[in-house]
């Protein structure tokens, strides 16, 4: 049974798309099931999006933007490189804890989104903004002289792993564990 629409059909479609992909995966998702979950007609979805791929990419980009804004927004009150990178790292984990389905949706669609999208400029801009923070840290001597993408990987892998665990298993890491993991990561990338 379809739930009553909230009045914001695009938001209802976004929420339903995230929930459906998180439930069945991106390859098994259907517009019919998304429409039912959103409480809208299939025609309403096609009024906003030409194809299922357009729908998936639009929702992916919207959620990815929310995650990016949470990550970068955490740096606003920070001054030094370590504090900025720490804020970004914790911002990612905290987003996943607060919005587990959104996080899983992005993780599930990440490989497909870049390949299947016609326009990845927004994704590239977000990634470049994060890479710039790392590059600044290398340039000012806070981070080791290494490839920017290698440092990004060292930072992202543990944060994503903790976030996935929180999202999939509902196991929220405690503050001590998060601080310990970040300290270990920081020791591997900082120019002590």
N, C-alpha and C. Protein backbone atom coordinates (compact mmCIF):
# COMPACT_ATOMS: atom_id res chain seq x y z
N UNK A 1 0.83 -1.18 0.00
CA UNK A 1 0.00 0.00 0.00
C UNK A 1 0.88 1.24 0.00
N UNK A 2 0.59 2.17 -0.90
CA UNK A 2 1.38 3.39 -1.01
C UNK A 2 1.08 4.31 0.16
N UNK A 3 2.10 4.97 0.62
CA UNK A 3 1.90 5.91 1.71
C UNK A 3 1.49 7.26 1.12
N UNK A 4 0.81 8.09 1.89
CA UNK A 4 0.42 9.39 1.37
C UNK A 4 1.65 10.24 1.08
N UNK A 5 1.62 10.95 -0.02
CA UNK A 5 2.74 11.81 -0.39
C UNK A 5 2.81 12.99 0.56
N UNK A 6 4.01 13.46 0.81
CA UNK A 6 4.21 14.56 1.75
C UNK A 6 3.96 15.91 1.11
N UNK A 7 3.78 15.95 -0.19
CA UNK A 7 3.64 17.22 -0.88
C UNK A 7 4.90 17.60 -1.62
N UNK A 8 6.02 16.98 -1.28
CA UNK A 8 7.27 17.20 -1.99
C UNK A 8 7.62 15.91 -2.71
N UNK A 9 7.09 15.78 -3.90
CA UNK A 9 7.22 14.52 -4.64
C UNK A 9 8.67 14.16 -4.94
N UNK A 10 9.48 15.14 -5.30
CA UNK A 10 10.89 14.84 -5.58
C UNK A 10 11.58 14.29 -4.34
N UNK A 11 11.30 14.84 -3.18
CA UNK A 11 11.89 14.33 -1.94
C UNK A 11 11.37 12.93 -1.64
N UNK A 12 10.07 12.72 -1.84
CA UNK A 12 9.49 11.38 -1.63
C UNK A 12 10.16 10.36 -2.55
N UNK A 13 10.39 10.77 -3.80
CA UNK A 13 11.04 9.87 -4.77
C UNK A 13 12.48 9.60 -4.35
N UNK A 14 13.17 10.62 -3.88
CA UNK A 14 14.56 10.44 -3.42
C UNK A 14 14.61 9.43 -2.27
N UNK A 15 13.77 9.65 -1.26
CA UNK A 15 13.76 8.78 -0.08
C UNK A 15 13.42 7.34 -0.51
N UNK A 16 12.45 7.20 -1.39
CA UNK A 16 12.04 5.87 -1.85
C UNK A 16 13.14 5.20 -2.67
N UNK A 17 13.83 5.97 -3.48
CA UNK A 17 14.91 5.42 -4.30
C UNK A 17 16.04 4.92 -3.41
N UNK A 18 16.43 5.73 -2.45
CA UNK A 18 17.48 5.32 -1.50
C UNK A 18 17.07 4.04 -0.78
N UNK A 19 15.86 4.01 -0.26
CA UNK A 19 15.38 2.85 0.50
C UNK A 19 15.32 1.60 -0.38
N UNK A 20 14.84 1.75 -1.60
CA UNK A 20 14.70 0.59 -2.49
C UNK A 20 16.07 0.04 -2.90
N UNK A 21 17.01 0.93 -3.25
CA UNK A 21 18.35 0.46 -3.61
C UNK A 21 19.03 -0.18 -2.41
N UNK A 22 18.89 0.41 -1.24
CA UNK A 22 19.48 -0.18 -0.04
C UNK A 22 18.88 -1.55 0.25
N UNK A 23 17.60 -1.73 -0.09
CA UNK A 23 16.92 -3.01 0.19
C UNK A 23 17.25 -4.09 -0.83
N UNK A 24 17.31 -3.72 -2.12
CA UNK A 24 17.44 -4.77 -3.15
C UNK A 24 18.67 -4.64 -4.03
N UNK A 25 19.42 -3.55 -3.91
CA UNK A 25 20.57 -3.34 -4.77
C UNK A 25 20.19 -2.58 -6.03
N UNK A 26 21.18 -2.02 -6.68
CA UNK A 26 20.90 -1.16 -7.82
C UNK A 26 20.47 -1.93 -9.07
N UNK A 27 20.92 -3.15 -9.22
CA UNK A 27 20.57 -3.90 -10.42
C UNK A 27 19.15 -4.46 -10.37
N UNK A 28 18.62 -4.65 -9.18
CA UNK A 28 17.27 -5.21 -9.04
C UNK A 28 16.20 -4.14 -8.83
N UNK A 29 16.61 -2.91 -8.71
CA UNK A 29 15.65 -1.84 -8.43
C UNK A 29 14.78 -1.58 -9.66
N UNK A 30 13.51 -1.30 -9.39
CA UNK A 30 12.60 -0.97 -10.49
C UNK A 30 11.88 0.33 -10.19
N UNK A 31 11.56 1.04 -11.25
CA UNK A 31 10.82 2.29 -11.10
C UNK A 31 9.45 2.03 -10.49
N UNK A 32 8.84 0.92 -10.84
CA UNK A 32 7.53 0.58 -10.27
C UNK A 32 7.60 0.46 -8.74
N UNK A 33 8.64 -0.21 -8.25
CA UNK A 33 8.78 -0.39 -6.80
C UNK A 33 9.11 0.94 -6.11
N UNK A 34 9.91 1.76 -6.77
CA UNK A 34 10.23 3.07 -6.21
C UNK A 34 8.95 3.91 -6.13
N UNK A 35 8.16 3.88 -7.20
CA UNK A 35 6.91 4.65 -7.23
C UNK A 35 5.97 4.20 -6.11
N UNK A 36 5.85 2.90 -5.95
CA UNK A 36 4.98 2.37 -4.90
C UNK A 36 5.46 2.82 -3.53
N UNK A 37 6.77 2.71 -3.32
CA UNK A 37 7.35 3.10 -2.03
C UNK A 37 7.17 4.60 -1.77
N UNK A 38 7.23 5.40 -2.84
CA UNK A 38 7.11 6.86 -2.71
C UNK A 38 5.66 7.32 -2.62
N UNK A 39 4.75 6.43 -2.97
CA UNK A 39 3.34 6.83 -2.96
C UNK A 39 2.98 7.72 -4.13
N UNK A 40 3.68 7.52 -5.25
CA UNK A 40 3.41 8.30 -6.46
C UNK A 40 3.22 7.34 -7.63
N UNK A 41 2.74 7.85 -8.74
CA UNK A 41 2.60 7.01 -9.93
C UNK A 41 3.94 6.92 -10.65
N UNK A 42 4.08 5.90 -11.46
CA UNK A 42 5.29 5.75 -12.28
C UNK A 42 5.43 6.97 -13.19
N UNK A 43 4.29 7.45 -13.71
CA UNK A 43 4.31 8.63 -14.57
C UNK A 43 4.88 9.86 -13.88
N UNK A 44 4.61 9.97 -12.59
CA UNK A 44 5.16 11.10 -11.83
C UNK A 44 6.68 11.03 -11.80
N UNK A 45 7.20 9.85 -11.63
CA UNK A 45 8.67 9.71 -11.64
C UNK A 45 9.22 10.11 -12.99
N UNK A 46 8.57 9.65 -14.06
CA UNK A 46 9.06 9.98 -15.40
C UNK A 46 8.81 11.44 -15.78
N UNK A 47 8.01 12.14 -15.01
CA UNK A 47 7.85 13.57 -15.22
C UNK A 47 9.12 14.30 -14.76
N UNK A 48 9.78 13.75 -13.74
CA UNK A 48 11.00 14.35 -13.22
C UNK A 48 12.27 13.79 -13.86
N UNK A 49 12.25 12.53 -14.25
CA UNK A 49 13.45 11.85 -14.76
C UNK A 49 13.12 11.10 -16.03
N UNK A 50 13.98 11.21 -17.05
CA UNK A 50 13.71 10.55 -18.33
C UNK A 50 13.81 9.03 -18.24
N UNK A 51 14.81 8.55 -17.51
CA UNK A 51 15.06 7.11 -17.43
C UNK A 51 15.36 6.71 -15.99
N UNK A 52 15.38 5.41 -15.76
CA UNK A 52 15.76 4.91 -14.43
C UNK A 52 17.19 5.32 -14.11
N UNK A 53 18.09 5.26 -15.08
CA UNK A 53 19.47 5.67 -14.85
C UNK A 53 19.56 7.14 -14.48
N UNK A 54 18.76 7.98 -15.14
CA UNK A 54 18.74 9.41 -14.79
C UNK A 54 18.28 9.59 -13.34
N UNK A 55 17.26 8.85 -12.95
CA UNK A 55 16.76 8.90 -11.58
C UNK A 55 17.86 8.49 -10.60
N UNK A 56 18.49 7.35 -10.86
CA UNK A 56 19.52 6.86 -9.95
C UNK A 56 20.68 7.84 -9.84
N UNK A 57 21.12 8.40 -10.97
CA UNK A 57 22.24 9.33 -10.92
C UNK A 57 21.85 10.62 -10.21
N UNK A 58 20.65 11.13 -10.47
CA UNK A 58 20.20 12.37 -9.81
C UNK A 58 20.15 12.18 -8.30
N UNK A 59 19.62 11.07 -7.86
CA UNK A 59 19.55 10.81 -6.42
C UNK A 59 20.96 10.59 -5.87
N UNK A 60 21.78 9.86 -6.60
CA UNK A 60 23.17 9.65 -6.19
C UNK A 60 23.88 10.99 -6.01
N UNK A 61 23.74 11.88 -6.99
CA UNK A 61 24.40 13.18 -6.91
C UNK A 61 23.88 14.00 -5.73
N UNK A 62 22.58 13.94 -5.49
CA UNK A 62 22.00 14.69 -4.37
C UNK A 62 22.53 14.18 -3.03
N UNK A 63 22.56 12.86 -2.87
CA UNK A 63 23.05 12.29 -1.61
C UNK A 63 24.55 12.52 -1.47
N UNK A 64 25.28 12.33 -2.55
CA UNK A 64 26.73 12.56 -2.52
C UNK A 64 27.02 14.02 -2.15
N UNK A 65 26.22 14.93 -2.65
CA UNK A 65 26.37 16.34 -2.31
C UNK A 65 26.11 16.57 -0.83
N UNK A 66 25.09 15.93 -0.29
CA UNK A 66 24.81 16.05 1.15
C UNK A 66 25.99 15.54 1.98
N UNK A 67 26.54 14.41 1.58
CA UNK A 67 27.69 13.84 2.30
C UNK A 67 28.88 14.79 2.20
N UNK A 68 29.13 15.28 1.00
CA UNK A 68 30.25 16.20 0.80
C UNK A 68 30.08 17.46 1.65
N UNK A 69 28.87 18.00 1.67
CA UNK A 69 28.60 19.20 2.47
C UNK A 69 28.82 18.94 3.95
N UNK A 70 28.45 17.75 4.41
CA UNK A 70 28.68 17.40 5.81
C UNK A 70 30.18 17.31 6.10
N UNK A 71 30.91 16.72 5.18
CA UNK A 71 32.36 16.57 5.35
C UNK A 71 33.05 17.93 5.34
N UNK A 72 32.77 18.71 4.32
CA UNK A 72 33.45 20.00 4.18
C UNK A 72 32.92 21.03 5.18
N UNK A 73 31.64 20.94 5.52
CA UNK A 73 31.08 21.85 6.51
C UNK A 73 31.74 21.70 7.86
N UNK A 74 32.20 20.50 8.15
CA UNK A 74 32.87 20.24 9.43
C UNK A 74 34.19 20.98 9.53
N UNK A 75 34.76 21.41 8.40
CA UNK A 75 36.05 22.10 8.43
C UNK A 75 35.92 23.59 8.68
N UNK A 76 34.72 24.13 8.61
CA UNK A 76 34.54 25.59 8.69
C UNK A 76 35.15 26.21 9.94
N UNK A 77 35.02 25.58 11.06
CA UNK A 77 35.52 26.15 12.31
C UNK A 77 36.96 25.74 12.60
N UNK A 78 37.59 25.01 11.69
CA UNK A 78 38.93 24.49 11.93
C UNK A 78 39.98 25.37 11.25
N UNK A 79 41.16 25.44 11.88
CA UNK A 79 42.23 26.27 11.34
C UNK A 79 43.35 25.43 10.69
N UNK A 80 43.96 24.53 11.44
CA UNK A 80 45.11 23.80 10.96
C UNK A 80 44.74 22.60 10.11
N UNK A 81 45.72 22.10 9.39
CA UNK A 81 45.50 20.95 8.51
C UNK A 81 45.00 19.74 9.27
N UNK A 82 45.65 19.43 10.40
CA UNK A 82 45.23 18.24 11.14
C UNK A 82 43.78 18.38 11.59
N UNK A 83 43.42 19.53 12.11
CA UNK A 83 42.05 19.73 12.59
C UNK A 83 41.05 19.64 11.44
N UNK A 84 41.40 20.18 10.29
CA UNK A 84 40.50 20.12 9.13
C UNK A 84 40.33 18.67 8.66
N UNK A 85 41.42 17.96 8.53
CA UNK A 85 41.33 16.57 8.06
C UNK A 85 40.61 15.70 9.09
N UNK A 86 40.87 15.94 10.35
CA UNK A 86 40.16 15.20 11.40
C UNK A 86 38.66 15.47 11.32
N UNK A 87 38.29 16.72 11.14
CA UNK A 87 36.87 17.09 11.04
C UNK A 87 36.23 16.43 9.82
N UNK A 88 36.94 16.39 8.70
CA UNK A 88 36.41 15.73 7.50
C UNK A 88 36.21 14.25 7.76
N UNK A 89 37.18 13.62 8.39
CA UNK A 89 37.14 12.18 8.64
C UNK A 89 35.96 11.85 9.55
N UNK A 90 35.83 12.58 10.65
CA UNK A 90 34.71 12.35 11.56
C UNK A 90 33.38 12.73 10.92
N UNK A 91 33.38 13.74 10.05
CA UNK A 91 32.16 14.13 9.35
C UNK A 91 31.60 13.00 8.51
N UNK A 92 32.48 12.26 7.83
CA UNK A 92 32.05 11.13 7.02
C UNK A 92 31.44 10.03 7.88
N UNK A 93 32.13 9.67 8.95
CA UNK A 93 31.64 8.60 9.83
C UNK A 93 30.31 9.01 10.48
N UNK A 94 30.23 10.23 10.94
CA UNK A 94 29.01 10.70 11.59
C UNK A 94 27.83 10.74 10.62
N UNK A 95 28.08 11.11 9.37
CA UNK A 95 27.01 11.11 8.37
C UNK A 95 26.46 9.69 8.20
N UNK A 96 27.37 8.74 8.10
CA UNK A 96 26.94 7.34 7.91
C UNK A 96 26.15 6.83 9.10
N UNK A 97 26.52 7.25 10.29
CA UNK A 97 25.79 6.82 11.49
C UNK A 97 24.39 7.45 11.51
N UNK A 98 24.30 8.71 11.14
CA UNK A 98 23.02 9.42 11.17
C UNK A 98 22.11 9.05 10.01
N UNK A 99 22.69 8.75 8.85
CA UNK A 99 21.91 8.47 7.64
C UNK A 99 22.42 7.19 6.97
N UNK A 100 22.24 6.05 7.63
CA UNK A 100 22.84 4.82 7.13
C UNK A 100 22.36 4.42 5.73
N UNK A 101 21.09 4.60 5.42
CA UNK A 101 20.62 4.21 4.09
C UNK A 101 21.22 5.10 3.01
N UNK A 102 21.32 6.39 3.26
CA UNK A 102 21.95 7.28 2.29
C UNK A 102 23.40 6.86 2.04
N UNK A 103 24.11 6.57 3.12
CA UNK A 103 25.51 6.16 2.99
C UNK A 103 25.62 4.87 2.17
N UNK A 104 24.79 3.89 2.48
CA UNK A 104 24.82 2.63 1.73
C UNK A 104 24.46 2.84 0.26
N UNK A 105 23.49 3.68 0.01
CA UNK A 105 23.09 3.99 -1.36
C UNK A 105 24.28 4.50 -2.16
N UNK A 106 25.00 5.46 -1.61
CA UNK A 106 26.16 6.02 -2.32
C UNK A 106 27.24 4.96 -2.51
N UNK A 107 27.49 4.17 -1.49
CA UNK A 107 28.50 3.11 -1.61
C UNK A 107 28.11 2.09 -2.68
N UNK A 108 26.84 1.75 -2.76
CA UNK A 108 26.39 0.76 -3.74
C UNK A 108 26.46 1.31 -5.16
N UNK A 109 26.16 2.58 -5.33
CA UNK A 109 26.10 3.16 -6.67
C UNK A 109 27.39 3.82 -7.13
N UNK A 110 28.35 4.01 -6.25
CA UNK A 110 29.57 4.73 -6.61
C UNK A 110 30.25 4.20 -7.87
N UNK A 111 30.46 2.90 -8.00
CA UNK A 111 31.12 2.43 -9.21
C UNK A 111 30.30 2.67 -10.48
N UNK A 112 28.99 2.55 -10.37
CA UNK A 112 28.12 2.73 -11.53
C UNK A 112 27.93 4.19 -11.89
N UNK A 113 27.89 5.04 -10.90
CA UNK A 113 27.55 6.45 -11.12
C UNK A 113 28.54 7.12 -12.06
N UNK A 114 29.80 6.89 -11.85
CA UNK A 114 30.81 7.53 -12.69
C UNK A 114 30.78 6.95 -14.11
N UNK A 115 30.58 5.68 -14.22
CA UNK A 115 30.59 5.03 -15.53
C UNK A 115 29.34 5.37 -16.34
N UNK A 116 28.19 5.39 -15.70
CA UNK A 116 26.93 5.55 -16.41
C UNK A 116 26.44 6.98 -16.55
N UNK A 117 27.11 7.91 -15.92
CA UNK A 117 26.61 9.28 -15.98
C UNK A 117 27.20 10.03 -17.17
N UNK A 118 26.44 10.97 -17.64
CA UNK A 118 26.90 11.78 -18.76
C UNK A 118 27.70 12.98 -18.27
N UNK A 119 27.50 13.38 -17.06
CA UNK A 119 28.12 14.59 -16.55
C UNK A 119 28.65 14.35 -15.14
N UNK A 120 29.94 14.26 -15.03
CA UNK A 120 30.54 14.00 -13.71
C UNK A 120 31.25 15.22 -13.15
N UNK A 121 31.03 16.39 -13.74
CA UNK A 121 31.72 17.60 -13.27
C UNK A 121 31.48 17.85 -11.79
N UNK A 122 30.25 17.73 -11.34
CA UNK A 122 29.95 17.99 -9.92
C UNK A 122 30.70 17.01 -9.02
N UNK A 123 30.75 15.74 -9.43
CA UNK A 123 31.47 14.74 -8.65
C UNK A 123 32.97 15.07 -8.62
N UNK A 124 33.51 15.46 -9.78
CA UNK A 124 34.92 15.82 -9.86
C UNK A 124 35.24 17.03 -8.98
N UNK A 125 34.35 18.03 -8.98
CA UNK A 125 34.57 19.21 -8.15
C UNK A 125 34.59 18.87 -6.67
N UNK A 126 33.68 17.98 -6.25
CA UNK A 126 33.65 17.58 -4.84
C UNK A 126 34.94 16.86 -4.47
N UNK A 127 35.34 15.93 -5.32
CA UNK A 127 36.56 15.18 -5.02
C UNK A 127 37.77 16.10 -5.00
N UNK A 128 37.82 17.03 -5.95
CA UNK A 128 38.96 17.96 -6.00
C UNK A 128 39.03 18.85 -4.77
N UNK A 129 37.88 19.21 -4.22
CA UNK A 129 37.88 20.03 -3.00
C UNK A 129 38.50 19.26 -1.84
N UNK A 130 38.20 17.98 -1.75
CA UNK A 130 38.78 17.15 -0.70
C UNK A 130 40.28 16.94 -0.97
N UNK A 131 40.62 16.65 -2.21
CA UNK A 131 42.04 16.45 -2.55
C UNK A 131 42.85 17.72 -2.31
N UNK A 132 42.23 18.88 -2.49
CA UNK A 132 42.94 20.15 -2.24
C UNK A 132 43.32 20.28 -0.78
N UNK A 133 42.45 19.84 0.13
CA UNK A 133 42.78 19.88 1.55
C UNK A 133 44.03 19.03 1.83
N UNK A 134 44.09 17.89 1.19
CA UNK A 134 45.25 16.99 1.36
C UNK A 134 46.49 17.62 0.74
N UNK A 135 46.34 18.15 -0.46
CA UNK A 135 47.46 18.80 -1.15
C UNK A 135 48.01 19.96 -0.33
N UNK A 136 47.12 20.73 0.27
CA UNK A 136 47.56 21.83 1.14
C UNK A 136 48.39 21.31 2.30
N UNK A 137 47.97 20.17 2.86
CA UNK A 137 48.71 19.56 3.97
C UNK A 137 50.08 19.06 3.56
N UNK A 138 50.18 18.55 2.35
CA UNK A 138 51.50 18.12 1.85
C UNK A 138 52.38 19.33 1.63
N UNK A 139 51.81 20.35 1.00
CA UNK A 139 52.56 21.57 0.69
C UNK A 139 53.07 22.27 1.95
N UNK A 140 52.23 22.34 2.99
CA UNK A 140 52.67 23.05 4.20
C UNK A 140 53.48 22.16 5.15
N UNK A 141 53.74 20.91 4.76
CA UNK A 141 54.60 20.04 5.54
C UNK A 141 53.92 19.27 6.65
N UNK A 142 52.61 19.41 6.79
CA UNK A 142 51.89 18.68 7.83
C UNK A 142 51.77 17.21 7.48
N UNK A 143 51.58 16.93 6.20
CA UNK A 143 51.44 15.55 5.74
C UNK A 143 52.72 15.10 5.03
N UNK A 144 52.93 13.79 5.04
CA UNK A 144 54.11 13.23 4.38
C UNK A 144 54.06 13.52 2.88
N UNK A 145 55.22 13.55 2.30
CA UNK A 145 55.29 13.73 0.84
C UNK A 145 54.94 12.38 0.22
N UNK A 146 53.73 12.31 -0.25
CA UNK A 146 53.22 11.10 -0.90
C UNK A 146 52.16 11.56 -1.89
N UNK A 147 51.70 10.64 -2.69
CA UNK A 147 50.65 10.97 -3.63
C UNK A 147 49.37 11.39 -2.91
N UNK A 148 48.75 12.43 -3.41
CA UNK A 148 47.52 12.93 -2.80
C UNK A 148 46.47 11.84 -2.73
N UNK A 149 46.34 11.07 -3.78
CA UNK A 149 45.32 10.01 -3.81
C UNK A 149 45.68 8.85 -2.88
N UNK A 150 46.96 8.64 -2.67
CA UNK A 150 47.36 7.60 -1.70
C UNK A 150 46.97 8.03 -0.29
N UNK A 151 47.19 9.28 0.03
CA UNK A 151 46.79 9.78 1.35
C UNK A 151 45.27 9.76 1.48
N UNK A 152 44.58 10.13 0.41
CA UNK A 152 43.11 10.07 0.44
C UNK A 152 42.65 8.65 0.75
N UNK A 153 43.27 7.67 0.14
CA UNK A 153 42.92 6.27 0.38
C UNK A 153 43.19 5.87 1.82
N UNK A 154 44.32 6.29 2.36
CA UNK A 154 44.66 5.97 3.75
C UNK A 154 43.63 6.57 4.72
N UNK A 155 43.13 7.74 4.40
CA UNK A 155 42.11 8.38 5.23
C UNK A 155 40.74 7.74 5.04
N UNK A 156 40.37 7.52 3.80
CA UNK A 156 39.01 7.10 3.48
C UNK A 156 38.71 5.66 3.86
N UNK A 157 39.65 4.75 3.63
CA UNK A 157 39.36 3.33 3.82
C UNK A 157 38.88 3.00 5.24
N UNK A 158 39.58 3.43 6.29
CA UNK A 158 39.08 3.11 7.63
C UNK A 158 37.76 3.81 7.94
N UNK A 159 37.60 5.06 7.50
CA UNK A 159 36.36 5.79 7.77
C UNK A 159 35.19 5.10 7.08
N UNK A 160 35.38 4.69 5.84
CA UNK A 160 34.32 4.00 5.10
C UNK A 160 34.02 2.64 5.73
N UNK A 161 35.04 1.94 6.16
CA UNK A 161 34.84 0.64 6.81
C UNK A 161 34.02 0.80 8.09
N UNK A 162 34.37 1.77 8.92
CA UNK A 162 33.61 2.01 10.15
C UNK A 162 32.18 2.44 9.82
N UNK A 163 32.05 3.28 8.80
CA UNK A 163 30.72 3.76 8.41
C UNK A 163 29.86 2.62 7.87
N UNK A 164 30.45 1.74 7.07
CA UNK A 164 29.71 0.59 6.55
C UNK A 164 29.25 -0.32 7.69
N UNK A 165 30.14 -0.56 8.62
CA UNK A 165 29.78 -1.41 9.76
C UNK A 165 28.61 -0.80 10.53
N UNK A 166 28.67 0.51 10.73
CA UNK A 166 27.58 1.19 11.42
C UNK A 166 26.29 1.10 10.62
N UNK A 167 26.39 1.25 9.30
CA UNK A 167 25.21 1.23 8.44
C UNK A 167 24.62 -0.16 8.30
N UNK A 168 25.45 -1.14 8.04
CA UNK A 168 24.97 -2.49 7.77
C UNK A 168 24.58 -3.27 9.02
N UNK A 169 25.37 -3.12 10.07
CA UNK A 169 25.15 -3.92 11.26
C UNK A 169 24.55 -3.15 12.42
N UNK A 170 24.43 -1.84 12.25
CA UNK A 170 23.90 -1.04 13.34
C UNK A 170 24.86 -0.94 14.52
N UNK A 171 26.13 -1.25 14.27
CA UNK A 171 27.15 -1.18 15.32
C UNK A 171 27.82 0.18 15.24
N UNK A 172 27.46 1.03 16.17
CA UNK A 172 28.02 2.38 16.18
C UNK A 172 29.31 2.35 16.99
N UNK A 173 30.44 2.73 16.35
CA UNK A 173 31.70 2.74 17.10
C UNK A 173 31.65 3.79 18.20
N UNK A 174 32.27 3.47 19.33
CA UNK A 174 32.28 4.46 20.40
C UNK A 174 33.37 5.50 20.13
N UNK A 175 33.28 6.58 20.85
CA UNK A 175 34.19 7.72 20.64
C UNK A 175 35.65 7.31 20.82
N UNK A 176 35.92 6.44 21.80
CA UNK A 176 37.30 6.00 22.02
C UNK A 176 37.84 5.25 20.81
N UNK A 177 37.03 4.37 20.24
CA UNK A 177 37.47 3.62 19.06
C UNK A 177 37.71 4.56 17.88
N UNK A 178 36.79 5.49 17.67
CA UNK A 178 36.96 6.43 16.56
C UNK A 178 38.24 7.25 16.73
N UNK A 179 38.47 7.73 17.94
CA UNK A 179 39.69 8.50 18.19
C UNK A 179 40.94 7.66 17.99
N UNK A 180 40.89 6.41 18.44
CA UNK A 180 42.05 5.53 18.29
C UNK A 180 42.34 5.26 16.81
N UNK A 181 41.30 4.96 16.05
CA UNK A 181 41.49 4.69 14.61
C UNK A 181 42.03 5.93 13.93
N UNK A 182 41.46 7.09 14.22
CA UNK A 182 41.97 8.30 13.58
C UNK A 182 43.43 8.54 13.97
N UNK A 183 43.77 8.32 15.21
CA UNK A 183 45.17 8.51 15.65
C UNK A 183 46.12 7.61 14.88
N UNK A 184 45.70 6.37 14.66
CA UNK A 184 46.54 5.44 13.89
C UNK A 184 46.67 5.90 12.44
N UNK A 185 45.57 6.33 11.86
CA UNK A 185 45.60 6.83 10.48
C UNK A 185 46.49 8.06 10.41
N UNK A 186 46.29 8.96 11.34
CA UNK A 186 47.08 10.21 11.33
C UNK A 186 48.58 9.90 11.46
N UNK A 187 48.93 8.94 12.30
CA UNK A 187 50.35 8.58 12.46
C UNK A 187 50.94 8.08 11.14
N UNK A 188 50.11 7.48 10.31
CA UNK A 188 50.63 6.95 9.03
C UNK A 188 50.76 8.00 7.94
N UNK A 189 50.09 9.14 8.09
CA UNK A 189 50.14 10.14 7.01
C UNK A 189 50.76 11.47 7.44
N UNK A 190 50.98 11.65 8.73
CA UNK A 190 51.52 12.95 9.17
C UNK A 190 53.03 12.97 9.06
N UNK A 191 53.54 14.13 8.87
CA UNK A 191 54.97 14.34 8.77
C UNK A 191 55.48 14.69 10.17
N UNK A 192 55.71 13.63 10.96
CA UNK A 192 56.05 13.83 12.38
C UNK A 192 57.35 14.52 12.57
